[in-house]
N, C-alpha and C. Protein backbone atom coordinates (compact mmCIF):
# COMPACT_ATOMS: atom_id res chain seq x y z
N MET A 1 128.27 129.21 80.14
CA MET A 1 128.56 127.77 80.66
C MET A 1 128.82 127.33 81.86
N LYS A 2 129.51 128.09 82.58
CA LYS A 2 129.97 127.81 83.43
C LYS A 2 129.14 127.81 84.63
N ILE A 3 128.00 128.84 84.20
CA ILE A 3 126.79 128.70 85.43
C ILE A 3 125.71 127.30 85.05
N LEU A 4 125.56 127.16 83.89
CA LEU A 4 125.13 126.06 83.81
C LEU A 4 125.40 124.66 84.61
N LYS A 5 127.07 124.80 84.26
CA LYS A 5 127.77 123.55 85.03
C LYS A 5 127.69 123.63 86.78
N ILE A 6 127.56 124.76 87.34
CA ILE A 6 127.14 124.90 88.44
C ILE A 6 125.87 124.45 88.86
N ILE A 7 124.73 124.52 87.86
CA ILE A 7 123.51 124.18 88.17
C ILE A 7 123.13 122.74 88.19
N GLY A 8 124.28 122.46 86.99
CA GLY A 8 123.82 120.76 86.95
C GLY A 8 124.45 120.09 88.48
N VAL A 9 125.69 120.21 88.54
CA VAL A 9 126.32 120.28 90.02
C VAL A 9 125.44 120.15 91.28
N ILE A 10 124.65 121.09 91.20
CA ILE A 10 123.83 121.14 92.25
C ILE A 10 122.59 120.65 92.27
N LEU A 11 122.18 120.40 91.02
CA LEU A 11 120.69 119.34 90.68
C LEU A 11 121.47 117.97 91.27
N LEU A 12 122.70 117.88 90.70
CA LEU A 12 123.18 116.24 90.89
C LEU A 12 123.07 116.05 92.47
N ALA A 13 124.04 116.95 93.13
CA ALA A 13 124.13 116.71 94.40
C ALA A 13 122.63 116.51 95.19
N ILE A 14 121.83 117.54 94.93
CA ILE A 14 120.45 117.44 95.20
C ILE A 14 119.52 115.92 94.97
N VAL A 15 119.87 115.33 93.85
CA VAL A 15 119.38 114.08 93.56
C VAL A 15 120.21 113.13 94.23
N LEU A 16 121.28 113.42 94.58
CA LEU A 16 122.17 112.13 95.57
C LEU A 16 121.79 112.25 97.07
N ILE A 17 121.22 113.28 97.25
CA ILE A 17 120.76 113.60 98.68
C ILE A 17 119.58 113.10 98.79
N LEU A 18 118.83 113.20 98.04
CA LEU A 18 117.39 112.47 97.86
C LEU A 18 117.50 111.30 97.81
N ALA A 19 118.43 110.62 96.76
CA ALA A 19 118.59 109.13 96.83
C ALA A 19 119.10 108.35 98.10
N ILE A 20 120.16 109.20 99.10
CA ILE A 20 120.59 108.47 99.88
C ILE A 20 119.29 108.61 100.85
N TRP A 21 118.67 109.73 101.14
CA TRP A 21 117.33 110.23 102.12
C TRP A 21 116.31 108.81 101.92
N VAL A 22 116.27 108.53 100.56
CA VAL A 22 115.09 107.46 100.05
C VAL A 22 115.68 106.19 100.83
N MET A 23 116.89 105.80 100.66
CA MET A 23 117.83 104.57 101.17
C MET A 23 117.65 104.38 102.73
N THR A 24 117.17 105.29 103.55
CA THR A 24 117.33 105.26 105.01
C THR A 24 116.01 105.21 105.55
N LEU A 25 115.06 105.63 104.32
CA LEU A 25 113.84 105.42 104.98
C LEU A 25 113.50 104.12 105.62
N SER A 26 112.56 104.19 106.49
CA SER A 26 111.97 103.12 107.31
C SER A 26 110.81 102.27 106.08
N ASP A 27 110.67 101.05 106.18
CA ASP A 27 109.60 100.41 105.22
C ASP A 27 108.32 100.28 106.08
N GLU A 28 108.10 100.74 107.55
CA GLU A 28 107.21 100.31 108.46
C GLU A 28 106.52 101.98 108.71
N ALA A 29 105.38 101.74 109.04
CA ALA A 29 104.52 103.08 109.65
C ALA A 29 103.76 102.56 110.43
N HIS A 30 103.09 103.37 111.61
CA HIS A 30 102.33 102.95 112.32
C HIS A 30 101.30 104.71 112.73
N LEU A 31 100.36 104.30 112.73
CA LEU A 31 99.55 105.29 113.03
C LEU A 31 98.07 104.95 113.87
N GLU A 32 97.90 105.54 115.14
CA GLU A 32 96.69 105.39 115.68
C GLU A 32 96.00 106.60 116.22
N ARG A 33 94.81 106.38 116.56
CA ARG A 33 94.11 107.62 117.12
C ARG A 33 92.93 106.96 117.78
N THR A 34 92.47 107.66 119.15
CA THR A 34 91.53 107.34 120.18
C THR A 34 90.52 108.36 120.34
N ALA A 35 89.21 107.41 120.63
CA ALA A 35 87.86 108.46 120.91
C ALA A 35 87.42 107.80 121.76
N THR A 36 86.36 108.35 122.76
CA THR A 36 85.52 107.92 123.55
C THR A 36 84.16 108.04 122.92
N VAL A 37 83.34 106.68 123.20
CA VAL A 37 81.80 107.07 122.21
C VAL A 37 81.37 106.08 123.65
N ASN A 38 80.17 107.41 123.65
CA ASN A 38 79.44 107.07 124.82
C ASN A 38 78.42 105.95 124.51
N ALA A 39 78.60 105.06 124.49
CA ALA A 39 78.05 103.70 123.99
C ALA A 39 78.25 102.55 124.70
N PRO A 40 77.69 101.16 124.98
CA PRO A 40 78.39 100.39 125.54
C PRO A 40 79.01 99.45 124.25
N ILE A 41 80.15 98.85 124.71
CA ILE A 41 81.03 98.14 123.86
C ILE A 41 80.25 97.45 122.82
N GLU A 42 78.95 96.20 123.30
CA GLU A 42 78.43 95.89 122.24
C GLU A 42 77.84 96.53 121.10
N LYS A 43 77.51 97.79 121.54
CA LYS A 43 76.98 98.71 120.23
C LYS A 43 77.99 99.29 119.67
N VAL A 44 78.98 99.52 120.14
CA VAL A 44 80.21 100.10 119.25
C VAL A 44 80.77 98.80 118.10
N PHE A 45 81.02 97.40 118.76
CA PHE A 45 81.49 96.45 118.04
C PHE A 45 80.40 96.31 117.18
N GLY A 46 78.86 96.17 117.21
CA GLY A 46 78.05 95.96 116.18
C GLY A 46 78.35 96.79 114.83
N VAL A 47 78.95 97.85 115.22
CA VAL A 47 79.20 98.80 114.06
C VAL A 47 80.51 98.42 113.40
N VAL A 48 81.51 98.69 114.04
CA VAL A 48 82.57 98.48 113.16
C VAL A 48 83.07 97.20 113.09
N ASN A 49 82.42 96.03 113.29
CA ASN A 49 82.42 95.09 112.71
C ASN A 49 81.15 94.57 111.29
N ASP A 50 80.48 95.76 110.82
CA ASP A 50 79.73 95.51 110.03
C ASP A 50 80.11 96.30 108.71
N PHE A 51 80.71 95.97 107.51
CA PHE A 51 80.97 96.85 106.52
C PHE A 51 79.70 97.39 105.75
N GLY A 52 78.44 96.85 106.09
CA GLY A 52 77.07 97.61 105.62
C GLY A 52 77.06 98.81 106.32
N GLN A 53 77.86 99.24 107.23
CA GLN A 53 77.37 100.50 107.95
C GLN A 53 78.75 101.28 107.70
N VAL A 54 79.77 100.86 107.14
CA VAL A 54 80.84 101.63 107.01
C VAL A 54 80.48 103.03 106.44
N ASN A 55 79.82 103.43 105.46
CA ASN A 55 79.87 104.41 104.77
C ASN A 55 78.83 105.23 105.40
N GLU A 56 78.26 105.14 106.37
CA GLU A 56 77.76 105.98 107.43
C GLU A 56 78.47 106.84 108.16
N TRP A 57 79.90 106.42 108.32
CA TRP A 57 80.70 107.39 108.86
C TRP A 57 81.94 107.83 108.59
N SER A 58 82.67 106.83 107.26
CA SER A 58 83.78 106.81 106.61
C SER A 58 83.97 108.30 106.13
N PRO A 59 85.58 108.72 106.40
CA PRO A 59 85.79 110.41 106.25
C PRO A 59 85.82 110.40 104.52
N TRP A 60 86.03 109.19 104.21
CA TRP A 60 86.13 109.20 102.17
C TRP A 60 85.15 109.37 101.74
N MET A 61 83.78 108.61 102.13
CA MET A 61 82.57 108.58 101.48
C MET A 61 82.04 109.96 101.12
N LYS A 62 82.56 111.13 101.76
CA LYS A 62 82.19 112.71 101.15
C LYS A 62 83.05 113.05 100.30
N ILE A 63 84.24 112.81 100.50
CA ILE A 63 84.98 113.04 98.94
C ILE A 63 84.61 112.93 97.92
N ASP A 64 84.14 111.44 97.59
CA ASP A 64 83.53 111.36 96.26
C ASP A 64 82.01 110.38 96.60
N PRO A 65 80.85 111.00 96.65
CA PRO A 65 79.70 110.58 96.82
C PRO A 65 79.38 109.75 95.55
N GLU A 66 80.00 109.94 94.67
CA GLU A 66 79.96 109.02 93.08
C GLU A 66 80.96 108.00 93.15
N ALA A 67 81.32 107.47 94.02
CA ALA A 67 82.36 106.13 93.81
C ALA A 67 81.45 105.27 94.03
N LYS A 68 81.80 104.14 93.43
CA LYS A 68 81.18 102.83 93.17
C LYS A 68 81.78 101.49 94.57
N TYR A 69 80.69 100.82 94.74
CA TYR A 69 80.99 100.05 95.96
C TYR A 69 80.32 98.73 95.41
N ILE A 70 81.46 97.37 95.75
CA ILE A 70 80.62 96.19 95.93
C ILE A 70 81.25 95.54 97.12
N TYR A 71 79.97 94.72 97.37
CA TYR A 71 79.94 94.36 98.95
C TYR A 71 79.66 92.64 98.75
N SER A 72 80.51 92.06 99.71
CA SER A 72 80.44 90.64 99.68
C SER A 72 78.75 90.35 100.22
N ALA A 73 78.49 89.13 100.15
CA ALA A 73 77.32 88.87 100.40
C ALA A 73 76.99 88.54 101.97
N ASN A 74 78.17 88.42 102.64
CA ASN A 74 78.39 88.47 104.26
C ASN A 74 78.96 89.84 104.50
N LEU A 75 78.27 91.00 105.13
CA LEU A 75 78.84 91.91 105.37
C LEU A 75 79.36 92.03 106.84
N VAL A 76 79.10 91.06 107.72
CA VAL A 76 79.77 91.26 109.23
C VAL A 76 80.60 89.91 109.50
N GLY A 77 81.76 90.41 110.27
CA GLY A 77 82.74 90.03 110.95
C GLY A 77 83.88 89.12 109.72
N ALA A 78 84.65 88.41 110.55
CA ALA A 78 86.14 87.40 109.60
C ALA A 78 85.33 87.29 107.95
N GLY A 79 86.04 87.51 106.89
CA GLY A 79 85.48 86.94 105.58
C GLY A 79 84.39 88.16 104.65
N ALA A 80 84.28 89.39 105.56
CA ALA A 80 83.06 89.89 104.70
C ALA A 80 84.56 91.45 104.25
N TYR A 81 83.92 91.90 102.91
CA TYR A 81 84.88 92.73 102.13
C TYR A 81 84.10 93.86 101.62
N TYR A 82 84.47 94.62 100.87
CA TYR A 82 83.86 95.52 99.84
C TYR A 82 85.33 96.22 99.18
N SER A 83 84.88 96.60 98.08
CA SER A 83 85.75 97.05 96.94
C SER A 83 85.31 98.50 96.65
N TRP A 84 86.31 99.20 96.01
CA TRP A 84 85.66 100.48 95.89
C TRP A 84 86.21 100.76 94.56
N THR A 85 85.63 101.62 93.89
CA THR A 85 86.60 102.41 92.39
C THR A 85 86.02 103.73 92.48
N SER A 86 86.72 104.93 92.33
CA SER A 86 86.71 105.81 92.28
C SER A 86 87.37 107.04 91.18
N ASP A 87 87.19 107.73 90.68
CA ASP A 87 88.24 108.78 89.92
C ASP A 87 88.72 109.82 90.72
N HIS A 88 88.39 109.90 91.69
CA HIS A 88 89.06 110.74 92.67
C HIS A 88 90.48 110.39 93.28
N PRO A 89 91.19 111.45 93.03
CA PRO A 89 92.87 110.51 93.46
C PRO A 89 93.32 110.45 94.99
N ASP A 90 91.94 111.06 95.82
CA ASP A 90 92.29 110.67 97.11
C ASP A 90 91.43 109.77 97.71
N VAL A 91 90.89 108.75 96.74
CA VAL A 91 89.97 107.92 97.21
C VAL A 91 90.51 106.43 96.20
N GLY A 92 90.57 106.73 94.99
CA GLY A 92 91.35 105.77 93.83
C GLY A 92 90.32 104.49 93.84
N ASN A 93 91.27 103.28 94.23
CA ASN A 93 90.79 102.14 93.90
C ASN A 93 91.03 101.07 94.95
N GLY A 94 90.38 100.12 95.47
CA GLY A 94 90.92 99.20 96.29
C GLY A 94 89.58 98.61 97.24
N ARG A 95 90.48 97.71 97.98
CA ARG A 95 89.56 96.94 98.91
C ARG A 95 90.08 96.74 100.07
N GLN A 96 88.81 96.24 100.97
CA GLN A 96 89.10 95.99 102.65
C GLN A 96 88.22 94.66 102.99
N ASP A 97 88.98 93.66 103.76
CA ASP A 97 88.71 92.39 104.11
C ASP A 97 89.00 92.82 105.67
N ILE A 98 87.65 91.81 106.13
CA ILE A 98 88.02 91.70 107.64
C ILE A 98 88.28 90.35 107.72
N LEU A 99 89.78 90.19 108.81
CA LEU A 99 90.63 89.05 108.74
C LEU A 99 90.24 88.50 110.09
N GLU A 100 89.83 89.12 110.97
CA GLU A 100 89.51 88.57 112.50
C GLU A 100 88.70 89.31 113.16
N SER A 101 87.75 88.97 113.63
CA SER A 101 87.10 89.72 114.48
C SER A 101 86.93 88.87 115.91
N ILE A 102 87.03 89.55 116.79
CA ILE A 102 87.12 89.02 118.35
C ILE A 102 85.73 90.28 119.00
N GLU A 103 84.81 89.30 119.31
CA GLU A 103 83.54 89.83 119.74
C GLU A 103 84.12 90.68 120.86
N ASN A 104 83.71 92.00 120.80
CA ASN A 104 83.88 93.08 121.74
C ASN A 104 85.06 93.37 122.20
N GLU A 105 85.81 92.98 121.62
CA GLU A 105 87.57 92.98 121.51
C GLU A 105 88.35 94.06 120.29
N ARG A 106 88.29 93.24 119.27
CA ARG A 106 89.23 93.67 117.97
C ARG A 106 88.47 93.51 116.69
N VAL A 107 88.64 94.33 115.80
CA VAL A 107 88.35 93.87 114.51
C VAL A 107 89.81 94.14 113.84
N VAL A 108 89.97 93.16 112.97
CA VAL A 108 91.39 93.36 112.12
C VAL A 108 91.11 93.14 110.61
N THR A 109 91.20 94.36 109.93
CA THR A 109 91.20 94.38 108.51
C THR A 109 92.41 94.46 107.51
N LYS A 110 92.26 94.26 106.58
CA LYS A 110 93.34 94.12 105.72
C LYS A 110 93.00 95.07 104.38
N MET A 111 93.72 96.05 104.03
CA MET A 111 93.51 96.83 102.77
C MET A 111 94.60 96.47 101.39
N GLY A 112 93.99 96.71 100.55
CA GLY A 112 94.65 96.85 99.32
C GLY A 112 94.46 98.25 98.46
N PHE A 113 95.36 98.58 97.72
CA PHE A 113 94.95 99.92 97.31
C PHE A 113 95.90 99.67 95.75
N GLU A 114 94.83 100.13 94.60
CA GLU A 114 95.61 100.00 93.31
C GLU A 114 96.83 100.35 92.83
N GLY A 115 97.96 99.80 92.52
CA GLY A 115 99.09 100.52 92.03
C GLY A 115 100.02 100.19 93.37
N MET A 116 99.49 100.02 94.63
CA MET A 116 100.63 99.44 95.52
C MET A 116 100.50 98.50 96.10
N THR A 117 101.80 97.90 96.61
CA THR A 117 102.03 96.61 96.61
C THR A 117 102.34 96.21 98.28
N GLY A 118 102.61 97.26 98.57
CA GLY A 118 102.86 96.73 100.29
C GLY A 118 101.87 95.86 100.92
N SER A 119 102.17 95.93 102.21
CA SER A 119 100.77 95.32 103.34
C SER A 119 100.42 96.48 104.21
N TYR A 120 99.25 96.49 104.61
CA TYR A 120 98.28 97.63 105.01
C TYR A 120 97.41 97.08 106.11
N THR A 121 97.25 97.25 106.64
CA THR A 121 96.26 96.78 107.95
C THR A 121 95.48 97.98 108.80
N ALA A 122 94.23 97.92 109.17
CA ALA A 122 93.80 98.56 109.95
C ALA A 122 92.93 97.98 111.01
N ASP A 123 93.01 98.36 112.38
CA ASP A 123 91.80 97.50 113.29
C ASP A 123 91.55 98.67 114.06
N PHE A 124 90.24 98.25 114.83
CA PHE A 124 89.64 98.78 115.72
C PHE A 124 89.79 97.90 117.14
N VAL A 125 90.41 98.91 118.05
CA VAL A 125 90.40 97.76 119.53
C VAL A 125 89.42 98.63 120.26
N LEU A 126 88.85 97.75 120.83
CA LEU A 126 87.93 98.28 122.09
C LEU A 126 87.96 98.05 123.54
N GLU A 127 88.01 98.97 124.20
CA GLU A 127 87.79 98.75 125.36
C GLU A 127 86.69 99.57 126.17
N PRO A 128 86.01 98.83 127.42
CA PRO A 128 85.24 99.52 128.44
C PRO A 128 85.78 100.68 129.18
N ASP A 129 85.00 101.73 129.09
CA ASP A 129 85.66 102.81 129.84
C ASP A 129 84.24 103.17 130.66
N GLY A 130 83.89 102.65 131.73
CA GLY A 130 82.70 102.73 132.35
C GLY A 130 81.38 102.38 131.69
N ASP A 131 80.55 103.15 131.27
CA ASP A 131 79.62 102.90 130.62
C ASP A 131 79.66 103.13 129.02
N ALA A 132 80.70 103.71 128.87
CA ALA A 132 81.38 104.06 127.23
C ALA A 132 82.36 103.11 127.18
N THR A 133 82.47 103.13 125.71
CA THR A 133 83.70 102.42 125.15
C THR A 133 84.91 103.41 124.45
N LYS A 134 85.91 103.27 124.60
CA LYS A 134 87.23 103.48 124.35
C LYS A 134 87.36 102.99 122.79
N VAL A 135 87.78 103.54 121.77
CA VAL A 135 87.77 103.10 120.33
C VAL A 135 89.11 103.39 120.07
N THR A 136 90.38 102.43 119.72
CA THR A 136 91.50 102.94 119.13
C THR A 136 91.27 102.50 117.57
N TRP A 137 91.70 103.36 116.82
CA TRP A 137 91.78 103.11 115.27
C TRP A 137 93.31 102.98 114.98
N THR A 138 93.61 101.88 114.20
CA THR A 138 94.99 102.17 114.40
C THR A 138 95.24 101.73 112.52
N PHE A 139 96.40 101.89 112.03
CA PHE A 139 96.84 102.12 110.69
C PHE A 139 98.51 101.20 110.62
N ASP A 140 98.53 100.17 109.83
CA ASP A 140 99.87 99.94 110.45
C ASP A 140 100.38 99.61 108.53
N GLY A 141 101.45 100.07 108.09
CA GLY A 141 101.72 99.92 106.90
C GLY A 141 103.02 99.23 106.55
N LYS A 142 103.62 98.32 105.34
CA LYS A 142 105.11 97.81 105.52
C LYS A 142 104.98 97.93 103.95
N ALA A 143 105.78 99.11 103.60
CA ALA A 143 105.94 99.01 102.22
C ALA A 143 107.27 98.21 101.40
N ASP A 144 107.04 97.84 100.00
CA ASP A 144 107.79 97.36 99.01
C ASP A 144 108.45 98.01 98.02
N ALA A 145 108.13 99.16 97.90
CA ALA A 145 108.30 99.91 96.72
C ALA A 145 108.69 101.60 97.59
N ILE A 146 110.07 101.96 96.70
CA ILE A 146 110.54 103.28 96.98
C ILE A 146 109.05 104.03 97.46
N GLY A 147 108.61 104.50 96.36
CA GLY A 147 107.37 105.42 96.25
C GLY A 147 106.76 105.54 97.54
N GLU A 148 106.06 103.95 97.94
CA GLU A 148 105.53 103.63 98.95
C GLU A 148 105.95 103.87 100.24
N LYS A 149 107.46 103.80 100.24
CA LYS A 149 107.95 104.26 101.62
C LYS A 149 108.21 105.79 101.91
N VAL A 150 108.21 106.38 100.76
CA VAL A 150 107.64 108.07 101.06
C VAL A 150 106.80 108.63 101.27
N PHE A 151 105.41 107.42 100.91
CA PHE A 151 104.45 107.77 101.36
C PHE A 151 103.72 107.49 102.76
N LEU A 152 104.67 106.54 103.22
CA LEU A 152 104.82 105.98 104.87
C LEU A 152 105.33 107.18 105.55
N VAL A 153 106.04 107.66 105.02
CA VAL A 153 106.84 108.78 106.07
C VAL A 153 105.83 110.02 106.15
N PHE A 154 104.84 110.13 105.44
CA PHE A 154 104.13 111.29 105.54
C PHE A 154 102.57 110.47 106.33
N THR A 155 102.67 109.19 106.47
CA THR A 155 101.47 108.64 107.10
C THR A 155 100.82 109.76 107.97
N ASP A 156 101.50 110.27 109.22
CA ASP A 156 100.67 110.75 109.97
C ASP A 156 99.98 112.08 109.41
N ALA A 157 100.65 112.75 108.66
CA ALA A 157 99.95 113.94 107.99
C ALA A 157 98.70 113.87 107.21
N MET A 158 99.21 112.53 106.20
CA MET A 158 98.16 112.12 105.22
C MET A 158 96.62 111.52 105.80
N LEU A 159 97.33 110.75 106.62
CA LEU A 159 95.81 109.75 107.16
C LEU A 159 95.62 110.59 108.68
N GLY A 160 96.14 111.45 109.54
CA GLY A 160 95.88 111.73 110.87
C GLY A 160 94.70 112.29 110.79
N PRO A 161 94.41 113.78 110.07
CA PRO A 161 93.29 114.23 109.78
C PRO A 161 91.96 113.47 109.52
N SER A 162 91.82 112.35 108.50
CA SER A 162 91.37 111.26 108.11
C SER A 162 90.76 110.91 109.02
N TYR A 163 91.53 109.86 110.01
CA TYR A 163 91.47 109.22 111.19
C TYR A 163 90.52 109.91 112.05
N ASP A 164 90.92 111.13 112.48
CA ASP A 164 90.27 112.13 113.53
C ASP A 164 88.79 112.36 113.00
N GLU A 165 88.72 112.48 111.81
CA GLU A 165 87.63 113.35 111.21
C GLU A 165 86.69 111.78 111.36
N GLY A 166 87.26 110.48 110.87
CA GLY A 166 86.34 109.51 110.96
C GLY A 166 85.87 108.56 112.19
N LEU A 167 86.97 109.07 113.17
CA LEU A 167 86.46 108.70 114.62
C LEU A 167 85.17 109.51 115.26
N SER A 168 85.44 110.85 114.62
CA SER A 168 84.22 111.55 114.87
C SER A 168 82.66 111.57 114.50
N ASN A 169 82.95 111.04 113.23
CA ASN A 169 81.94 110.75 112.71
C ASN A 169 81.01 109.29 113.30
N LEU A 170 82.20 108.50 113.41
CA LEU A 170 81.81 107.31 113.96
C LEU A 170 81.13 107.54 115.53
N LYS A 171 81.97 108.39 116.42
CA LYS A 171 81.10 108.40 117.62
C LYS A 171 79.64 109.22 117.00
N THR A 172 79.69 110.28 116.28
CA THR A 172 78.45 110.80 116.24
C THR A 172 77.05 109.79 115.51
N TYR A 173 77.68 108.95 114.84
CA TYR A 173 76.84 107.98 114.16
C TYR A 173 76.52 106.74 115.42
N ILE A 174 77.34 106.33 116.13
CA ILE A 174 77.08 105.53 117.16
C ILE A 174 75.96 106.00 118.19
N GLU A 175 76.24 106.85 118.61
CA GLU A 175 75.71 107.60 119.65
C GLU A 175 74.25 108.14 119.51
N GLY A 176 74.03 108.21 117.96
CA GLY A 176 72.48 108.83 117.43
C GLY A 176 71.62 107.51 117.11
N LEU A 177 72.58 106.18 117.13
CA LEU A 177 71.81 105.26 116.97
C LEU A 177 70.77 104.80 118.07
N PRO A 178 69.80 104.42 118.03
CA PRO A 178 68.58 103.63 119.18
C PRO A 178 69.38 102.63 119.52
N ASP A 179 68.89 102.80 121.28
CA ASP A 179 69.29 101.09 122.30
C ASP A 179 68.62 100.06 121.57
N PRO A 180 69.31 98.87 121.28
CA PRO A 180 68.35 97.80 121.06
C PRO A 180 67.48 97.08 122.08
N GLU A 181 66.46 96.89 121.26
CA GLU A 181 64.99 96.54 122.32
C GLU A 181 65.62 95.65 123.39
N PRO A 182 65.37 95.67 124.62
CA PRO A 182 65.98 94.36 125.41
C PRO A 182 64.83 93.11 125.28
N GLU A 183 65.99 92.01 125.38
CA GLU A 183 65.56 90.76 125.10
C GLU A 183 64.02 90.54 126.06
N VAL A 184 62.87 90.04 125.38
CA VAL A 184 62.03 89.67 126.02
C VAL A 184 61.52 88.19 126.59
N ILE A 185 61.92 87.52 127.57
CA ILE A 185 61.82 86.26 127.60
C ILE A 185 60.90 85.64 128.10
N GLU A 186 60.18 85.13 127.34
CA GLU A 186 58.55 84.54 127.72
C GLU A 186 58.56 83.11 128.72
N GLU A 187 57.72 83.54 129.93
CA GLU A 187 57.61 82.33 130.70
C GLU A 187 56.27 81.43 130.77
N GLU A 188 56.71 80.28 130.48
CA GLU A 188 55.61 79.06 130.25
C GLU A 188 54.75 79.40 131.65
N ILE A 189 53.59 79.40 131.75
CA ILE A 189 52.73 79.65 132.54
C ILE A 189 52.05 78.42 132.79
N ILE A 190 52.06 77.81 133.95
CA ILE A 190 51.32 76.42 134.28
C ILE A 190 50.33 76.48 135.19
N ASP A 191 49.36 76.06 134.53
CA ASP A 191 47.99 75.89 135.13
C ASP A 191 48.01 75.21 136.38
N SER A 192 48.21 75.60 137.91
CA SER A 192 48.16 74.38 138.62
C SER A 192 46.95 73.95 138.93
N ASP A 193 45.74 74.02 138.17
CA ASP A 193 44.29 73.03 138.48
C ASP A 193 44.97 71.77 137.55
N SER A 194 45.91 72.18 136.53
CA SER A 194 46.22 70.85 135.54
C SER A 194 46.94 69.70 136.16
N ILE A 195 47.77 70.38 137.21
CA ILE A 195 48.97 69.13 137.57
C ILE A 195 48.15 68.38 138.60
N VAL A 196 48.83 67.18 138.19
CA VAL A 196 48.12 65.83 139.19
C VAL A 196 48.92 65.14 140.05
N VAL A 197 48.87 65.50 141.56
CA VAL A 197 50.05 64.76 141.79
C VAL A 197 49.47 63.10 142.40
N GLU A 198 49.94 62.29 142.34
CA GLU A 198 49.72 60.88 142.19
C GLU A 198 50.27 60.52 144.13
């Protein structure tokens, strides 16, 4: 019986320590990863601002190729969104919306995950780097529930590798796209013989 009491005291102490630890957790987290894409900024912006291309490079697509997606009618720029449903625990169900789109500078998105009530955003920030483009992909989370605070503590460990993989995929995808055809401006040819000078 004495041993059981000792074990009970130890378990109680562990629970109290964990409770104190959770109470001291920050309710916010920030993560960012950066890569240089060998493509002009207009080309990079055209991809990250288009939800129709997201699964060409998304690191989560290969986790569950059977996931179901629903897309908005307009897939480009502010107002575009897509949602997904998956039985895979690492993918789950959720939705992502483009909140703001500043041409060749930034794309701001909001994310919602089933069972989570916090506020989560992810941005793409673009900067010219010579003939290339510096791409910074960010994640910011603000948790409401205790469980989500614990998740945010491990943001870097849980999301960092996916962000690294995603940027690598994005770089490969964009650099493999053909360059857009240069715009041809048709000049009006004027027949000098038809000009009448009075």
